[in-house]
């Protein structure tokens, strides 16, 4: 079971690794499109766009519907949820690191404010003693 999940996740990340495929997914998030429409912004051939779509299909990110000679694609977002879940597990490490950095910076700011306050007080005493 774990191996199947891992292979599925590998296919999703492989599909998302290419900027053209990510752009195609973004377009499909807005509406169903045929392969020619997906290819148009990239000035690529139908065959090249079809290869990208096949990678997205293997990752189960895209579903294809055939109507006559036209192939229509639509987004299938479920595998993205699995990838998001995998990433969220590791996001806590970033959050912990950023929280620690925030604590250090706040402590330094507090020390600097105390230091400046002491200088102001000592300057004020010097002037009144003169």
C-alpha atoms as a PDB file:
ATOM      1  CA  UNK A   1       0.000   0.000   0.000  1.00  0.00           C
ATOM      2  CA  UNK A   2       2.766   2.447   0.921  1.00  0.00           C
ATOM      3  CA  UNK A   3       4.658   1.664  -2.284  1.00  0.00           C
ATOM      4  CA  UNK A   4       1.556   2.393  -4.366  1.00  0.00           C
ATOM      5  CA  UNK A   5       1.025   5.695  -2.559  1.00  0.00           C
ATOM      6  CA  UNK A   6       4.662   6.563  -3.007  1.00  0.00           C
ATOM      7  CA  UNK A   7       4.580   5.775  -6.734  1.00  0.00           C
ATOM      8  CA  UNK A   8       1.428   7.860  -7.127  1.00  0.00           C
ATOM      9  CA  UNK A   9       3.024  10.775  -5.302  1.00  0.00           C
ATOM     10  CA  UNK A  10       6.175  10.388  -7.411  1.00  0.00           C
ATOM     11  CA  UNK A  11       4.086  10.706 -10.582  1.00  0.00           C
ATOM     12  CA  UNK A  12       2.372  13.828  -9.237  1.00  0.00           C
ATOM     13  CA  UNK A  13       5.646  15.544  -8.361  1.00  0.00           C
ATOM     14  CA  UNK A  14       7.145  14.461 -11.694  1.00  0.00           C
ATOM     15  CA  UNK A  15       4.182  16.016 -13.510  1.00  0.00           C
ATOM     16  CA  UNK A  16       4.435  19.212 -11.449  1.00  0.00           C
ATOM     17  CA  UNK A  17       8.185  19.490 -12.046  1.00  0.00           C
ATOM     18  CA  UNK A  18       7.633  20.887 -15.534  1.00  0.00           C
ATOM     19  CA  UNK A  19       6.551  24.560 -15.831  1.00  0.00           C
ATOM     20  CA  UNK A  20       4.537  23.883 -18.996  1.00  0.00           C
ATOM     21  CA  UNK A  21       2.498  21.211 -17.251  1.00  0.00           C
ATOM     22  CA  UNK A  22       1.964  23.465 -14.232  1.00  0.00           C
ATOM     23  CA  UNK A  23       0.685  26.190 -16.573  1.00  0.00           C
ATOM     24  CA  UNK A  24      -1.611  23.679 -18.259  1.00  0.00           C
ATOM     25  CA  UNK A  25      -3.036  22.664 -14.884  1.00  0.00           C
ATOM     26  CA  UNK A  26      -3.638  26.313 -14.007  1.00  0.00           C
ATOM     27  CA  UNK A  27      -5.574  26.781 -17.245  1.00  0.00           C
ATOM     28  CA  UNK A  28      -7.554  23.605 -16.591  1.00  0.00           C
ATOM     29  CA  UNK A  29      -8.429  24.867 -13.122  1.00  0.00           C
ATOM     30  CA  UNK A  30     -10.412  27.606 -14.874  1.00  0.00           C
ATOM     31  CA  UNK A  31     -12.154  25.465 -17.481  1.00  0.00           C
ATOM     32  CA  UNK A  32     -12.097  22.313 -19.552  1.00  0.00           C
ATOM     33  CA  UNK A  33      -9.958  22.736 -22.679  1.00  0.00           C
ATOM     34  CA  UNK A  34      -9.048  20.738 -25.720  1.00  0.00           C
ATOM     35  CA  UNK A  35      -5.432  19.840 -26.372  1.00  0.00           C
ATOM     36  CA  UNK A  36      -5.107  22.480 -29.098  1.00  0.00           C
ATOM     37  CA  UNK A  37      -6.200  25.161 -26.627  1.00  0.00           C
ATOM     38  CA  UNK A  38      -3.691  23.866 -24.078  1.00  0.00           C
ATOM     39  CA  UNK A  39      -0.914  23.957 -26.688  1.00  0.00           C
ATOM     40  CA  UNK A  40      -1.676  27.457 -28.033  1.00  0.00           C
ATOM     41  CA  UNK A  41       0.058  29.667 -25.401  1.00  0.00           C
ATOM     42  CA  UNK A  42       3.249  27.633 -25.687  1.00  0.00           C
ATOM     43  CA  UNK A  43       3.447  27.601 -29.502  1.00  0.00           C
ATOM     44  CA  UNK A  44       3.915  23.845 -29.408  1.00  0.00           C
ATOM     45  CA  UNK A  45       2.579  21.136 -31.646  1.00  0.00           C
ATOM     46  CA  UNK A  46      -0.457  19.063 -30.834  1.00  0.00           C
ATOM     47  CA  UNK A  47       1.857  16.061 -30.404  1.00  0.00           C
ATOM     48  CA  UNK A  48       4.049  17.874 -27.862  1.00  0.00           C
ATOM     49  CA  UNK A  49       1.009  19.082 -25.913  1.00  0.00           C
ATOM     50  CA  UNK A  50      -0.424  15.568 -26.022  1.00  0.00           C
ATOM     51  CA  UNK A  51       2.773  14.204 -24.444  1.00  0.00           C
ATOM     52  CA  UNK A  52       2.438  16.702 -21.594  1.00  0.00           C
ATOM     53  CA  UNK A  53      -1.201  15.727 -21.150  1.00  0.00           C
ATOM     54  CA  UNK A  54      -0.230  12.041 -21.002  1.00  0.00           C
ATOM     55  CA  UNK A  55       2.174  12.777 -18.140  1.00  0.00           C
ATOM     56  CA  UNK A  56      -0.615  14.648 -16.347  1.00  0.00           C
ATOM     57  CA  UNK A  57      -2.982  11.742 -16.993  1.00  0.00           C
ATOM     58  CA  UNK A  58      -0.492   9.195 -15.612  1.00  0.00           C
ATOM     59  CA  UNK A  59      -0.360  11.311 -12.460  1.00  0.00           C
ATOM     60  CA  UNK A  60      -4.183  11.314 -12.505  1.00  0.00           C
ATOM     61  CA  UNK A  61      -4.191  15.106 -12.459  1.00  0.00           C
ATOM     62  CA  UNK A  62      -6.135  15.310 -15.728  1.00  0.00           C
ATOM     63  CA  UNK A  63      -9.111  13.451 -17.141  1.00  0.00           C
ATOM     64  CA  UNK A  64      -9.590  13.285 -20.901  1.00  0.00           C
ATOM     65  CA  UNK A  65     -12.951  13.196 -22.677  1.00  0.00           C
ATOM     66  CA  UNK A  66     -13.113  12.413 -26.374  1.00  0.00           C
ATOM     67  CA  UNK A  67     -15.840  13.932 -28.534  1.00  0.00           C
ATOM     68  CA  UNK A  68     -15.348  13.005 -32.167  1.00  0.00           C
ATOM     69  CA  UNK A  69     -11.823  14.035 -33.060  1.00  0.00           C
ATOM     70  CA  UNK A  70     -11.508  16.478 -30.172  1.00  0.00           C
ATOM     71  CA  UNK A  71      -9.863  15.540 -26.897  1.00  0.00           C
ATOM     72  CA  UNK A  72     -11.057  17.627 -23.967  1.00  0.00           C
ATOM     73  CA  UNK A  73      -9.142  17.757 -20.702  1.00  0.00           C
ATOM     74  CA  UNK A  74     -10.272  18.735 -17.255  1.00  0.00           C
ATOM     75  CA  UNK A  75      -8.504  19.005 -13.943  1.00  0.00           C
ATOM     76  CA  UNK A  76      -8.766  16.111 -11.495  1.00  0.00           C
ATOM     77  CA  UNK A  77      -7.568  17.743  -8.252  1.00  0.00           C
ATOM     78  CA  UNK A  78      -7.564  14.756  -5.848  1.00  0.00           C
ATOM     79  CA  UNK A  79      -3.869  13.880  -6.369  1.00  0.00           C
ATOM     80  CA  UNK A  80      -2.979  17.497  -5.588  1.00  0.00           C
ATOM     81  CA  UNK A  81      -4.579  17.033  -2.177  1.00  0.00           C
ATOM     82  CA  UNK A  82      -2.288  14.067  -1.514  1.00  0.00           C
ATOM     83  CA  UNK A  83       0.750  16.140  -2.524  1.00  0.00           C
ATOM     84  CA  UNK A  84      -0.447  19.000  -0.324  1.00  0.00           C
ATOM     85  CA  UNK A  85      -0.826  16.618   2.624  1.00  0.00           C
ATOM     86  CA  UNK A  86       2.724  15.342   2.076  1.00  0.00           C
ATOM     87  CA  UNK A  87       4.091  18.908   1.931  1.00  0.00           C
ATOM     88  CA  UNK A  88       2.162  20.000   5.033  1.00  0.00           C
ATOM     89  CA  UNK A  89       3.966  17.366   7.087  1.00  0.00           C
ATOM     90  CA  UNK A  90       7.265  19.095   6.246  1.00  0.00           C
ATOM     91  CA  UNK A  91       5.866  22.602   6.559  1.00  0.00           C
ATOM     92  CA  UNK A  92       6.015  22.285  10.345  1.00  0.00           C
ATOM     93  CA  UNK A  93       9.811  22.228  10.137  1.00  0.00           C
ATOM     94  CA  UNK A  94       9.775  25.586   8.342  1.00  0.00           C
ATOM     95  CA  UNK A  95       7.246  26.939  10.824  1.00  0.00           C
ATOM     96  CA  UNK A  96       9.361  25.816  13.785  1.00  0.00           C
ATOM     97  CA  UNK A  97      12.479  27.396  12.264  1.00  0.00           C
ATOM     98  CA  UNK A  98      10.674  30.661  11.515  1.00  0.00           C
ATOM     99  CA  UNK A  99       9.186  30.751  15.017  1.00  0.00           C
ATOM    100  CA  UNK A 100      12.669  30.288  16.500  1.00  0.00           C
ATOM    101  CA  UNK A 101      14.059  33.065  14.286  1.00  0.00           C
ATOM    102  CA  UNK A 102      11.191  35.344  15.326  1.00  0.00           C
ATOM    103  CA  UNK A 103      11.969  34.702  19.022  1.00  0.00           C
ATOM    104  CA  UNK A 104      15.661  35.509  18.518  1.00  0.00           C
ATOM    105  CA  UNK A 105      14.878  38.729  16.631  1.00  0.00           C
ATOM    106  CA  UNK A 106      12.356  39.844  19.249  1.00  0.00           C
ATOM    107  CA  UNK A 107      14.888  39.189  22.020  1.00  0.00           C
ATOM    108  CA  UNK A 108      17.534  41.205  20.164  1.00  0.00           C
ATOM    109  CA  UNK A 109      15.045  44.058  19.638  1.00  0.00           C
ATOM    110  CA  UNK A 110      14.162  44.028  23.339  1.00  0.00           C
ATOM    111  CA  UNK A 111      17.855  44.079  24.333  1.00  0.00           C
ATOM    112  CA  UNK A 112      18.522  46.954  21.925  1.00  0.00           C
ATOM    113  CA  UNK A 113      15.585  48.928  23.333  1.00  0.00           C
ATOM    114  CA  UNK A 114      16.826  48.419  26.902  1.00  0.00           C
ATOM    115  CA  UNK A 115      20.333  49.419  25.875  1.00  0.00           C
ATOM    116  CA  UNK A 116      19.080  52.603  24.182  1.00  0.00           C
ATOM    117  CA  UNK A 117      16.943  53.386  27.243  1.00  0.00           C
ATOM    118  CA  UNK A 118      19.981  53.100  29.548  1.00  0.00           C
ATOM    119  CA  UNK A 119      21.982  55.454  27.308  1.00  0.00           C
ATOM    120  CA  UNK A 120      19.193  58.028  27.346  1.00  0.00           C
ATOM    121  CA  UNK A 121      18.989  57.864  31.137  1.00  0.00           C
ATOM    122  CA  UNK A 122      22.761  58.174  31.571  1.00  0.00           C
ATOM    123  CA  UNK A 123      22.915  61.122  29.136  1.00  0.00           C
ATOM    124  CA  UNK A 124      20.095  62.825  31.063  1.00  0.00           C
ATOM    125  CA  UNK A 125      21.957  62.417  34.381  1.00  0.00           C
ATOM    126  CA  UNK A 126      25.136  63.824  32.914  1.00  0.00           C
ATOM    127  CA  UNK A 127      23.405  66.959  31.686  1.00  0.00           C
ATOM    128  CA  UNK A 128      21.628  67.628  34.983  1.00  0.00           C
ATOM    129  CA  UNK A 129      24.837  67.105  36.993  1.00  0.00           C
ATOM    130  CA  UNK A 130      26.706  69.791  34.995  1.00  0.00           C
END
